[in-house]
Amino acid sequence: MPASSPRRLAPLITGASLVLLAGCGGSSDSGSDTAAGQSPVSASAVAVVASTNVYGDIVKQIGGGKVDITSIISDPDQDPHSYEANTQNQLALSKAKVVVENGGGYDDFIDRMLKSSDNSSAEVINAVKVSGKTAPAGGELNEHVWYDFPTTAKLADRIAAALTKADPDDAATFTKNAGAFKAKLKPLEAKEARIKAGHGGEPIAITEPVPLYLTEASGLVNKTPEEFSEAIEEGDDVSPRTLQETLALFTDKKVQALVYNDQTSGPQTEKVEQAAKTAGIPVVPVTETLPEGKDYIGWMTANVDALASALGK
């Protein structure tokens, strides 16, 4: 896999942000609002802060009504990399018993805000550390570990352990729910295996490294020039030569699909998307945060199914 530099969640903590009242609107999504089909949050619920609603949902699947979750990034239309922090987030972190972050440079603002909130007792779960993944020799880590199902299974166990530490009386519930969540990951891994059996070695293109753990587990080979995906991830301009090399993947029909980060598109990625559509090459949109109305399992099921459908022509 070509290495690419991580594009990070970068909060802009401005003077105006810091004087916001804690009750002002932001990007937080509190788990205290009971979702359809889920148990109401108990008065003694464990306070949890997640950097994105992806991790917030996983915590919810394991904690149920025993957790009160704040997901700092929750808007699917928002570019996570231009996130603006506010005092509501700071307040939530100051009260959190458990904090779930991605790590790997993706959401460093969590550590900075947690330190300034003077909450040293919170149990911090770093998904990249849980994954055990490291940067390849001479390259950089692909930090988008929530697209890796074995990592998500490990994370479920780690979350259950942290919730048990905060609420020992409900340990059996957390362990049972983590087991149920992990069981739902198995069909997703089976779908990846079926894609690999039928399409292993086939070339694809991407706009950013977001989905690479999924595509690699499916046996697909990324042919995108490293300079293109790295520039897009960093928010930099792509050189004309690199852009032409990337567009040629579609005009010359060298790839079977384009996996497109729909959440951080721009003029150059839109040119790539149009080139794919003009050439009749399927486009598979993905996002970095959980779409509205989806849970993690439903979201990832849709992603894998869309990839399989694109390759099944």
C-alpha atoms as a PDB file:
ATOM      1  CA  MET A   1       0.000   0.000   0.000  1.00  0.00           C
ATOM      2  CA  PRO A   2       1.430   3.370  -0.913  1.00  0.00           C
ATOM      3  CA  ALA A   3       1.996   5.390   2.212  1.00  0.00           C
ATOM      4  CA  SER A   4       0.254   8.702   2.584  1.00  0.00           C
ATOM      5  CA  SER A   5       0.427  11.376   5.209  1.00  0.00           C
ATOM      6  CA  PRO A   6      -2.516  11.483   7.626  1.00  0.00           C
ATOM      7  CA  ARG A   7      -4.936  14.322   7.263  1.00  0.00           C
ATOM      8  CA  ARG A   8      -5.924  15.153  10.791  1.00  0.00           C
ATOM      9  CA  LEU A   9      -8.948  16.367  12.667  1.00  0.00           C
ATOM     10  CA  ALA A  10      -7.815  19.931  13.288  1.00  0.00           C
ATOM     11  CA  PRO A  11      -9.880  22.026  15.694  1.00  0.00           C
ATOM     12  CA  LEU A  12      -9.810  25.799  15.442  1.00  0.00           C
ATOM     13  CA  ILE A  13     -10.199  26.965  19.016  1.00  0.00           C
ATOM     14  CA  THR A  14     -10.815  30.669  18.604  1.00  0.00           C
ATOM     15  CA  GLY A  15     -11.434  33.339  21.163  1.00  0.00           C
ATOM     16  CA  ALA A  16     -15.093  33.374  20.173  1.00  0.00           C
ATOM     17  CA  SER A  17     -15.306  29.621  20.659  1.00  0.00           C
ATOM     18  CA  LEU A  18     -13.921  29.794  24.145  1.00  0.00           C
ATOM     19  CA  VAL A  19     -16.565  32.175  25.396  1.00  0.00           C
ATOM     20  CA  LEU A  20     -19.483  30.134  24.079  1.00  0.00           C
ATOM     21  CA  LEU A  21     -21.908  29.037  26.750  1.00  0.00           C
ATOM     22  CA  ALA A  22     -21.899  25.313  27.412  1.00  0.00           C
ATOM     23  CA  GLY A  23     -25.469  25.071  26.174  1.00  0.00           C
ATOM     24  CA  CYS A  24     -24.732  26.599  22.766  1.00  0.00           C
ATOM     25  CA  GLY A  25     -25.016  24.442  19.665  1.00  0.00           C
ATOM     26  CA  GLY A  26     -21.991  22.644  18.312  1.00  0.00           C
ATOM     27  CA  SER A  27     -21.104  19.352  16.674  1.00  0.00           C
ATOM     28  CA  SER A  28     -21.783  17.263  19.735  1.00  0.00           C
ATOM     29  CA  ASP A  29     -24.329  14.469  19.777  1.00  0.00           C
ATOM     30  CA  SER A  30     -25.285  13.450  23.281  1.00  0.00           C
ATOM     31  CA  GLY A  31     -26.177   9.857  23.953  1.00  0.00           C
ATOM     32  CA  SER A  32     -28.630  11.020  26.611  1.00  0.00           C
ATOM     33  CA  ASP A  33     -31.224  11.419  23.843  1.00  0.00           C
ATOM     34  CA  THR A  34     -32.807   8.004  23.529  1.00  0.00           C
ATOM     35  CA  ALA A  35     -32.586   6.630  19.998  1.00  0.00           C
ATOM     36  CA  ALA A  36     -35.371   4.525  18.526  1.00  0.00           C
ATOM     37  CA  GLY A  37     -35.158   0.931  19.690  1.00  0.00           C
ATOM     38  CA  GLN A  38     -32.603   1.669  22.401  1.00  0.00           C
ATOM     39  CA  SER A  39     -32.985   1.684  26.153  1.00  0.00           C
ATOM     40  CA  PRO A  40     -33.224   5.063  27.909  1.00  0.00           C
ATOM     41  CA  VAL A  41     -30.058   6.280  29.574  1.00  0.00           C
ATOM     42  CA  SER A  42     -30.010   5.584  33.293  1.00  0.00           C
ATOM     43  CA  ALA A  43     -29.365   8.300  35.864  1.00  0.00           C
ATOM     44  CA  SER A  44     -26.117   6.585  36.871  1.00  0.00           C
ATOM     45  CA  ALA A  45     -24.877   6.158  33.292  1.00  0.00           C
ATOM     46  CA  VAL A  46     -21.142   6.273  32.606  1.00  0.00           C
ATOM     47  CA  ALA A  47     -20.177   9.561  30.919  1.00  0.00           C
ATOM     48  CA  VAL A  48     -18.313   8.824  27.676  1.00  0.00           C
ATOM     49  CA  VAL A  49     -16.833  11.193  25.094  1.00  0.00           C
ATOM     50  CA  ALA A  50     -15.960   9.931  21.610  1.00  0.00           C
ATOM     51  CA  SER A  51     -14.055  11.967  19.048  1.00  0.00           C
ATOM     52  CA  THR A  52     -16.494  10.975  16.290  1.00  0.00           C
ATOM     53  CA  ASN A  53     -19.927   9.422  16.117  1.00  0.00           C
ATOM     54  CA  VAL A  54     -18.354   6.260  14.677  1.00  0.00           C
ATOM     55  CA  TYR A  55     -16.819   5.500  18.059  1.00  0.00           C
ATOM     56  CA  GLY A  56     -19.830   6.937  19.854  1.00  0.00           C
ATOM     57  CA  ASP A  57     -22.054   4.391  18.149  1.00  0.00           C
ATOM     58  CA  ILE A  58     -19.750   1.489  18.982  1.00  0.00           C
ATOM     59  CA  VAL A  59     -19.798   2.563  22.631  1.00  0.00           C
ATOM     60  CA  LYS A  60     -23.601   2.747  22.471  1.00  0.00           C
ATOM     61  CA  GLN A  61     -23.823  -0.798  21.114  1.00  0.00           C
ATOM     62  CA  ILE A  62     -21.793  -2.042  24.073  1.00  0.00           C
ATOM     63  CA  GLY A  63     -23.053   0.228  26.834  1.00  0.00           C
ATOM     64  CA  GLY A  64     -26.710   0.600  25.873  1.00  0.00           C
ATOM     65  CA  GLY A  65     -28.630   2.567  28.475  1.00  0.00           C
ATOM     66  CA  LYS A  66     -25.699   2.361  30.882  1.00  0.00           C
ATOM     67  CA  VAL A  67     -23.710   5.034  29.021  1.00  0.00           C
ATOM     68  CA  ASP A  68     -24.232   8.742  28.345  1.00  0.00           C
ATOM     69  CA  ILE A  69     -22.300   9.546  25.164  1.00  0.00           C
ATOM     70  CA  THR A  70     -21.102  12.776  23.623  1.00  0.00           C
ATOM     71  CA  SER A  71     -19.776  12.360  20.070  1.00  0.00           C
ATOM     72  CA  ILE A  72     -17.823  15.502  19.246  1.00  0.00           C
ATOM     73  CA  ILE A  73     -17.929  15.088  15.449  1.00  0.00           C
ATOM     74  CA  SER A  74     -21.375  13.935  14.399  1.00  0.00           C
ATOM     75  CA  ASP A  75     -22.437  15.868  11.296  1.00  0.00           C
ATOM     76  CA  PRO A  76     -22.000  13.765   8.116  1.00  0.00           C
ATOM     77  CA  ASP A  77     -21.966  16.943   6.022  1.00  0.00           C
ATOM     78  CA  GLN A  78     -19.056  18.393   8.024  1.00  0.00           C
ATOM     79  CA  ASP A  79     -15.452  17.956   6.980  1.00  0.00           C
ATOM     80  CA  PRO A  80     -13.903  16.495  10.149  1.00  0.00           C
ATOM     81  CA  HIS A  81     -10.564  18.062   9.291  1.00  0.00           C
ATOM     82  CA  SER A  82     -11.917  21.589   9.638  1.00  0.00           C
ATOM     83  CA  TYR A  83     -13.700  20.927  12.917  1.00  0.00           C
ATOM     84  CA  GLU A  84     -14.104  23.892  15.273  1.00  0.00           C
ATOM     85  CA  ALA A  85     -14.005  23.020  18.967  1.00  0.00           C
ATOM     86  CA  ASN A  86     -16.127  24.751  21.577  1.00  0.00           C
ATOM     87  CA  THR A  87     -16.654  24.907  25.324  1.00  0.00           C
ATOM     88  CA  GLN A  88     -19.467  22.346  25.193  1.00  0.00           C
ATOM     89  CA  ASN A  89     -16.877  19.770  24.153  1.00  0.00           C
ATOM     90  CA  GLN A  90     -14.518  20.941  26.881  1.00  0.00           C
ATOM     91  CA  LEU A  91     -17.237  20.573  29.497  1.00  0.00           C
ATOM     92  CA  ALA A  92     -18.103  17.053  28.336  1.00  0.00           C
ATOM     93  CA  LEU A  93     -14.444  16.003  28.475  1.00  0.00           C
ATOM     94  CA  SER A  94     -14.079  17.415  31.981  1.00  0.00           C
ATOM     95  CA  LYS A  95     -16.838  15.067  33.176  1.00  0.00           C
ATOM     96  CA  ALA A  96     -15.979  11.981  31.127  1.00  0.00           C
ATOM     97  CA  LYS A  97     -15.156   8.669  32.779  1.00  0.00           C
ATOM     98  CA  VAL A  98     -14.198   7.093  29.443  1.00  0.00           C
ATOM     99  CA  VAL A  99     -12.824   8.802  26.327  1.00  0.00           C
ATOM    100  CA  VAL A 100     -12.532   7.078  22.936  1.00  0.00           C
ATOM    101  CA  GLU A 101     -10.256   8.643  20.356  1.00  0.00           C
ATOM    102  CA  ASN A 102      -8.870   7.432  17.060  1.00  0.00           C
ATOM    103  CA  GLY A 103      -5.240   8.356  17.636  1.00  0.00           C
ATOM    104  CA  GLY A 104      -2.503   8.165  15.046  1.00  0.00           C
ATOM    105  CA  GLY A 105      -2.533  11.950  14.694  1.00  0.00           C
ATOM    106  CA  TYR A 106      -6.139  11.983  13.497  1.00  0.00           C
ATOM    107  CA  ASP A 107      -7.775  13.665  16.481  1.00  0.00           C
ATOM    108  CA  ASP A 108      -4.987  15.077  18.641  1.00  0.00           C
ATOM    109  CA  PHE A 109      -7.343  17.811  19.842  1.00  0.00           C
ATOM    110  CA  ILE A 110      -8.893  15.259  22.204  1.00  0.00           C
ATOM    111  CA  ASP A 111      -5.657  14.902  24.177  1.00  0.00           C
ATOM    112  CA  ARG A 112      -5.066  18.652  24.236  1.00  0.00           C
ATOM    113  CA  MET A 113      -8.595  19.446  25.377  1.00  0.00           C
ATOM    114  CA  LEU A 114      -8.584  16.634  27.934  1.00  0.00           C
ATOM    115  CA  LYS A 115      -5.372  17.994  29.429  1.00  0.00           C
ATOM    116  CA  SER A 116      -6.745  21.522  29.645  1.00  0.00           C
ATOM    117  CA  SER A 117      -9.963  20.229  31.215  1.00  0.00           C
ATOM    118  CA  ASP A 118      -7.898  18.917  34.136  1.00  0.00           C
ATOM    119  CA  ASN A 119      -9.479  15.462  33.908  1.00  0.00           C
ATOM    120  CA  SER A 120      -6.628  13.058  34.561  1.00  0.00           C
ATOM    121  CA  SER A 121      -8.847  10.232  35.787  1.00  0.00           C
ATOM    122  CA  ALA A 122     -10.640   9.486  32.520  1.00  0.00           C
ATOM    123  CA  GLU A 123      -9.892   6.120  30.910  1.00  0.00           C
ATOM    124  CA  VAL A 124      -8.611   7.011  27.423  1.00  0.00           C
ATOM    125  CA  ILE A 125      -8.975   4.409  24.661  1.00  0.00           C
ATOM    126  CA  ASN A 126      -6.816   5.034  21.595  1.00  0.00           C
ATOM    127  CA  ALA A 127      -8.106   2.975  18.648  1.00  0.00           C
ATOM    128  CA  VAL A 128      -4.799   3.012  16.766  1.00  0.00           C
ATOM    129  CA  LYS A 129      -2.954   1.716  19.818  1.00  0.00           C
ATOM    130  CA  VAL A 130      -5.614  -0.956  20.292  1.00  0.00           C
ATOM    131  CA  SER A 131      -5.166  -1.983  16.648  1.00  0.00           C
ATOM    132  CA  GLY A 132      -1.447  -2.593  17.060  1.00  0.00           C
ATOM    133  CA  LYS A 133      -0.871  -1.114  13.612  1.00  0.00           C
ATOM    134  CA  THR A 134       2.314   0.799  12.878  1.00  0.00           C
ATOM    135  CA  ALA A 135       3.657   2.749   9.940  1.00  0.00           C
ATOM    136  CA  PRO A 136       5.284   0.682   7.163  1.00  0.00           C
ATOM    137  CA  ALA A 137       9.014   1.062   6.637  1.00  0.00           C
ATOM    138  CA  GLY A 138       9.663   4.409   5.018  1.00  0.00           C
ATOM    139  CA  GLY A 139       5.983   5.310   5.072  1.00  0.00           C
ATOM    140  CA  GLU A 140       3.283   6.643   7.347  1.00  0.00           C
ATOM    141  CA  LEU A 141       0.454   4.971   9.190  1.00  0.00           C
ATOM    142  CA  ASN A 142      -2.987   4.784   7.618  1.00  0.00           C
ATOM    143  CA  GLU A 143      -4.869   5.954  10.687  1.00  0.00           C
ATOM    144  CA  HIS A 144      -8.398   5.180   9.438  1.00  0.00           C
ATOM    145  CA  VAL A 145      -8.585   2.034  11.554  1.00  0.00           C
ATOM    146  CA  TRP A 146     -12.381   2.036  11.925  1.00  0.00           C
ATOM    147  CA  TYR A 147     -12.505   0.571   8.397  1.00  0.00           C
ATOM    148  CA  ASP A 148     -10.603  -2.471   9.711  1.00  0.00           C
ATOM    149  CA  PHE A 149     -13.001  -4.994  11.237  1.00  0.00           C
ATOM    150  CA  PRO A 150     -10.452  -6.956  13.312  1.00  0.00           C
ATOM    151  CA  THR A 151      -9.470  -3.648  14.929  1.00  0.00           C
ATOM    152  CA  THR A 152     -13.097  -2.836  15.651  1.00  0.00           C
ATOM    153  CA  ALA A 153     -13.513  -6.223  17.345  1.00  0.00           C
ATOM    154  CA  LYS A 154     -10.501  -5.524  19.573  1.00  0.00           C
ATOM    155  CA  LEU A 155     -11.891  -2.086  20.315  1.00  0.00           C
ATOM    156  CA  ALA A 156     -15.208  -3.577  21.440  1.00  0.00           C
ATOM    157  CA  ASP A 157     -13.432  -5.660  24.069  1.00  0.00           C
ATOM    158  CA  ARG A 158     -11.375  -2.670  25.184  1.00  0.00           C
ATOM    159  CA  ILE A 159     -14.490  -0.509  25.532  1.00  0.00           C
ATOM    160  CA  ALA A 160     -16.259  -3.226  27.516  1.00  0.00           C
ATOM    161  CA  ALA A 161     -13.281  -3.404  29.889  1.00  0.00           C
ATOM    162  CA  ALA A 162     -13.222   0.379  30.384  1.00  0.00           C
ATOM    163  CA  LEU A 163     -16.969   0.522  31.040  1.00  0.00           C
ATOM    164  CA  THR A 164     -16.631  -2.359  33.489  1.00  0.00           C
ATOM    165  CA  LYS A 165     -13.958  -0.440  35.366  1.00  0.00           C
ATOM    166  CA  ALA A 166     -16.264   2.564  35.613  1.00  0.00           C
ATOM    167  CA  ASP A 167     -19.380   0.496  36.418  1.00  0.00           C
ATOM    168  CA  PRO A 168     -18.454  -2.955  37.795  1.00  0.00           C
ATOM    169  CA  ASP A 169     -22.064  -3.837  38.607  1.00  0.00           C
ATOM    170  CA  ASP A 170     -22.927  -3.959  34.902  1.00  0.00           C
ATOM    171  CA  ALA A 171     -19.862  -5.905  33.771  1.00  0.00           C
ATOM    172  CA  ALA A 172     -21.911  -8.858  32.508  1.00  0.00           C
ATOM    173  CA  THR A 173     -24.015  -6.557  30.332  1.00  0.00           C
ATOM    174  CA  PHE A 174     -20.976  -4.909  28.763  1.00  0.00           C
ATOM    175  CA  THR A 175     -19.285  -8.243  28.073  1.00  0.00           C
ATOM    176  CA  LYS A 176     -22.457  -9.701  26.547  1.00  0.00           C
ATOM    177  CA  ASN A 177     -23.047  -6.665  24.342  1.00  0.00           C
ATOM    178  CA  ALA A 178     -19.431  -6.633  23.152  1.00  0.00           C
ATOM    179  CA  GLY A 179     -19.782 -10.279  22.183  1.00  0.00           C
ATOM    180  CA  ALA A 180     -22.977  -9.560  20.265  1.00  0.00           C
ATOM    181  CA  PHE A 181     -21.325  -6.650  18.474  1.00  0.00           C
ATOM    182  CA  LYS A 182     -18.315  -8.745  17.483  1.00  0.00           C
ATOM    183  CA  ALA A 183     -20.632 -11.457  16.150  1.00  0.00           C
ATOM    184  CA  LYS A 184     -22.138  -8.865  13.792  1.00  0.00           C
ATOM    185  CA  LEU A 185     -18.672  -8.119  12.409  1.00  0.00           C
ATOM    186  CA  LYS A 186     -18.192 -11.703  11.227  1.00  0.00           C
ATOM    187  CA  PRO A 187     -20.590 -11.424   8.248  1.00  0.00           C
ATOM    188  CA  LEU A 188     -18.735  -8.281   7.159  1.00  0.00           C
ATOM    189  CA  GLU A 189     -15.416 -10.126   7.155  1.00  0.00           C
ATOM    190  CA  ALA A 190     -17.095 -12.970   5.256  1.00  0.00           C
ATOM    191  CA  LYS A 191     -18.288 -10.490   2.621  1.00  0.00           C
ATOM    192  CA  GLU A 192     -14.734  -9.170   2.262  1.00  0.00           C
ATOM    193  CA  ALA A 193     -13.497 -12.745   1.832  1.00  0.00           C
ATOM    194  CA  ARG A 194     -16.050 -13.350  -0.927  1.00  0.00           C
ATOM    195  CA  ILE A 195     -14.946 -10.209  -2.747  1.00  0.00           C
ATOM    196  CA  LYS A 196     -11.345 -11.361  -2.451  1.00  0.00           C
ATOM    197  CA  ALA A 197     -12.223 -14.811  -3.795  1.00  0.00           C
ATOM    198  CA  GLY A 198     -13.955 -13.343  -6.816  1.00  0.00           C
ATOM    199  CA  HIS A 199     -11.938 -10.205  -7.469  1.00  0.00           C
ATOM    200  CA  GLY A 200      -8.612 -10.575  -5.664  1.00  0.00           C
ATOM    201  CA  GLY A 201      -5.851  -8.639  -7.411  1.00  0.00           C
ATOM    202  CA  GLU A 202      -8.212  -6.382  -9.338  1.00  0.00           C
ATOM    203  CA  PRO A 203      -7.147  -2.710  -9.541  1.00  0.00           C
ATOM    204  CA  ILE A 204      -9.113   0.156  -8.026  1.00  0.00           C
ATOM    205  CA  ALA A 205      -8.572   3.863  -7.420  1.00  0.00           C
ATOM    206  CA  ILE A 206      -9.251   6.007  -4.356  1.00  0.00           C
ATOM    207  CA  THR A 207      -9.332   9.701  -3.596  1.00  0.00           C
ATOM    208  CA  GLU A 208      -8.011   9.340  -0.018  1.00  0.00           C
ATOM    209  CA  PRO A 209      -6.724   6.408   2.086  1.00  0.00           C
ATOM    210  CA  VAL A 210      -9.931   6.327   4.178  1.00  0.00           C
ATOM    211  CA  PRO A 211     -11.219   2.947   2.827  1.00  0.00           C
ATOM    212  CA  LEU A 212      -7.903   1.166   2.267  1.00  0.00           C
ATOM    213  CA  TYR A 213      -8.229  -1.310   5.146  1.00  0.00           C
ATOM    214  CA  LEU A 214     -11.534  -2.450   3.675  1.00  0.00           C
ATOM    215  CA  THR A 215     -10.299  -2.640   0.086  1.00  0.00           C
ATOM    216  CA  GLU A 216      -7.080  -4.423   1.036  1.00  0.00           C
ATOM    217  CA  ALA A 217      -8.986  -6.996   3.112  1.00  0.00           C
ATOM    218  CA  SER A 218     -11.079  -7.517  -0.022  1.00  0.00           C
ATOM    219  CA  GLY A 219      -7.941  -8.320  -2.019  1.00  0.00           C
ATOM    220  CA  LEU A 220      -8.073  -5.200  -4.186  1.00  0.00           C
ATOM    221  CA  VAL A 221      -5.008  -3.283  -5.367  1.00  0.00           C
ATOM    222  CA  ASN A 222      -4.873   0.504  -5.130  1.00  0.00           C
ATOM    223  CA  LYS A 223      -3.427   2.008  -8.323  1.00  0.00           C
ATOM    224  CA  THR A 224      -3.844   5.664  -7.396  1.00  0.00           C
ATOM    225  CA  PRO A 225      -0.622   7.704  -7.607  1.00  0.00           C
ATOM    226  CA  GLU A 226       0.591   8.265  -4.057  1.00  0.00           C
ATOM    227  CA  GLU A 227       1.110  11.941  -4.784  1.00  0.00           C
ATOM    228  CA  PHE A 228      -2.577  12.341  -5.616  1.00  0.00           C
ATOM    229  CA  SER A 229      -4.122  10.719  -2.532  1.00  0.00           C
ATOM    230  CA  GLU A 230      -1.505  12.318  -0.275  1.00  0.00           C
ATOM    231  CA  ALA A 231      -2.206  15.807  -1.620  1.00  0.00           C
ATOM    232  CA  ILE A 232      -5.973  15.343  -1.332  1.00  0.00           C
ATOM    233  CA  GLU A 233      -5.680  14.068   2.232  1.00  0.00           C
ATOM    234  CA  GLU A 234      -3.488  16.998   3.225  1.00  0.00           C
ATOM    235  CA  GLY A 235      -5.773  19.510   1.516  1.00  0.00           C
ATOM    236  CA  ASP A 236      -3.039  20.482  -0.950  1.00  0.00           C
ATOM    237  CA  ASP A 237      -3.283  21.083  -4.686  1.00  0.00           C
ATOM    238  CA  VAL A 238      -2.454  18.160  -6.945  1.00  0.00           C
ATOM    239  CA  SER A 239       0.177  18.863  -9.594  1.00  0.00           C
ATOM    240  CA  PRO A 240      -1.110  18.880 -13.197  1.00  0.00           C
ATOM    241  CA  ARG A 241       1.059  15.898 -14.064  1.00  0.00           C
ATOM    242  CA  THR A 242      -0.210  13.823 -11.122  1.00  0.00           C
ATOM    243  CA  LEU A 243      -3.789  14.761 -11.894  1.00  0.00           C
ATOM    244  CA  GLN A 244      -3.374  13.632 -15.494  1.00  0.00           C
ATOM    245  CA  GLU A 245      -1.843  10.338 -14.339  1.00  0.00           C
ATOM    246  CA  THR A 246      -4.813   9.806 -12.066  1.00  0.00           C
ATOM    247  CA  LEU A 247      -7.381  10.705 -14.714  1.00  0.00           C
ATOM    248  CA  ALA A 248      -5.691   8.270 -17.105  1.00  0.00           C
ATOM    249  CA  LEU A 249      -6.635   5.414 -14.779  1.00  0.00           C
ATOM    250  CA  PHE A 250     -10.220   6.007 -15.920  1.00  0.00           C
ATOM    251  CA  THR A 251      -9.831   7.173 -19.489  1.00  0.00           C
ATOM    252  CA  ASP A 252      -7.613   4.142 -20.172  1.00  0.00           C
ATOM    253  CA  LYS A 253      -9.877   1.911 -18.035  1.00  0.00           C
ATOM    254  CA  LYS A 254      -7.034   0.657 -15.859  1.00  0.00           C
ATOM    255  CA  VAL A 255      -9.184   0.302 -12.732  1.00  0.00           C
ATOM    256  CA  GLN A 256     -12.436  -1.497 -11.932  1.00  0.00           C
ATOM    257  CA  ALA A 257     -13.863   1.037  -9.469  1.00  0.00           C
ATOM    258  CA  LEU A 258     -13.270   4.384  -7.777  1.00  0.00           C
ATOM    259  CA  VAL A 259     -13.747   4.484  -3.995  1.00  0.00           C
ATOM    260  CA  TYR A 260     -14.495   8.130  -3.328  1.00  0.00           C
ATOM    261  CA  ASN A 261     -14.440  10.021  -0.006  1.00  0.00           C
ATOM    262  CA  ASP A 262     -17.712  11.885  -0.384  1.00  0.00           C
ATOM    263  CA  GLN A 263     -17.158  13.897   2.789  1.00  0.00           C
ATOM    264  CA  THR A 264     -14.137  15.913   1.680  1.00  0.00           C
ATOM    265  CA  SER A 265     -14.611  16.451  -2.034  1.00  0.00           C
ATOM    266  CA  GLY A 266     -13.201  19.343  -4.034  1.00  0.00           C
ATOM    267  CA  PRO A 267     -12.591  20.439  -7.643  1.00  0.00           C
ATOM    268  CA  GLN A 268      -9.816  17.911  -8.299  1.00  0.00           C
ATOM    269  CA  THR A 269     -11.576  14.930  -6.768  1.00  0.00           C
ATOM    270  CA  GLU A 270     -14.733  15.949  -8.620  1.00  0.00           C
ATOM    271  CA  LYS A 271     -12.754  15.804 -11.895  1.00  0.00           C
ATOM    272  CA  VAL A 272     -11.670  12.298 -10.975  1.00  0.00           C
ATOM    273  CA  GLU A 273     -15.226  11.284 -10.133  1.00  0.00           C
ATOM    274  CA  GLN A 274     -16.506  12.674 -13.432  1.00  0.00           C
ATOM    275  CA  ALA A 275     -13.748  10.873 -15.354  1.00  0.00           C
ATOM    276  CA  ALA A 276     -14.785   7.592 -13.745  1.00  0.00           C
ATOM    277  CA  LYS A 277     -18.460   8.139 -14.572  1.00  0.00           C
ATOM    278  CA  THR A 278     -17.667   9.150 -18.155  1.00  0.00           C
ATOM    279  CA  ALA A 279     -15.636   5.960 -18.592  1.00  0.00           C
ATOM    280  CA  GLY A 280     -18.436   3.866 -17.123  1.00  0.00           C
ATOM    281  CA  ILE A 281     -16.375   2.913 -14.081  1.00  0.00           C
ATOM    282  CA  PRO A 282     -18.450   2.488 -10.895  1.00  0.00           C
ATOM    283  CA  VAL A 283     -18.008   5.036  -8.109  1.00  0.00           C
ATOM    284  CA  VAL A 284     -18.333   3.818  -4.500  1.00  0.00           C
ATOM    285  CA  PRO A 285     -18.831   6.747  -2.095  1.00  0.00           C
ATOM    286  CA  VAL A 286     -17.566   6.431   1.470  1.00  0.00           C
ATOM    287  CA  THR A 287     -17.461   8.821   4.433  1.00  0.00           C
ATOM    288  CA  GLU A 288     -15.368   9.297   7.557  1.00  0.00           C
ATOM    289  CA  THR A 289     -18.240   9.750   9.987  1.00  0.00           C
ATOM    290  CA  LEU A 290     -21.471   7.860  10.487  1.00  0.00           C
ATOM    291  CA  PRO A 291     -24.280   8.901   8.114  1.00  0.00           C
ATOM    292  CA  GLU A 292     -27.502  10.034   9.735  1.00  0.00           C
ATOM    293  CA  GLY A 293     -29.811   7.174  10.629  1.00  0.00           C
ATOM    294  CA  LYS A 294     -27.111   4.493  10.411  1.00  0.00           C
ATOM    295  CA  ASP A 295     -25.315   2.491  13.055  1.00  0.00           C
ATOM    296  CA  TYR A 296     -21.779   1.197  12.547  1.00  0.00           C
ATOM    297  CA  ILE A 297     -22.806  -2.270  11.380  1.00  0.00           C
ATOM    298  CA  GLY A 298     -25.456  -0.973   8.967  1.00  0.00           C
ATOM    299  CA  TRP A 299     -23.042   1.630   7.595  1.00  0.00           C
ATOM    300  CA  MET A 300     -20.221  -0.815   6.996  1.00  0.00           C
ATOM    301  CA  THR A 301     -22.600  -3.386   5.541  1.00  0.00           C
ATOM    302  CA  ALA A 302     -23.714  -0.788   3.003  1.00  0.00           C
ATOM    303  CA  ASN A 303     -20.080   0.068   2.214  1.00  0.00           C
ATOM    304  CA  VAL A 304     -19.037  -3.538   1.616  1.00  0.00           C
ATOM    305  CA  ASP A 305     -22.183  -4.315  -0.369  1.00  0.00           C
ATOM    306  CA  ALA A 306     -21.623  -1.236  -2.569  1.00  0.00           C
ATOM    307  CA  LEU A 307     -18.050  -2.319  -3.244  1.00  0.00           C
ATOM    308  CA  ALA A 308     -19.150  -5.854  -4.122  1.00  0.00           C
ATOM    309  CA  SER A 309     -21.876  -4.527  -6.393  1.00  0.00           C
ATOM    310  CA  ALA A 310     -19.426  -2.212  -8.197  1.00  0.00           C
ATOM    311  CA  LEU A 311     -17.071  -5.095  -8.922  1.00  0.00           C
ATOM    312  CA  GLY A 312     -19.777  -7.570  -9.839  1.00  0.00           C
ATOM    313  CA  LYS A 313     -20.558  -6.181 -13.257  1.00  0.00           C
END
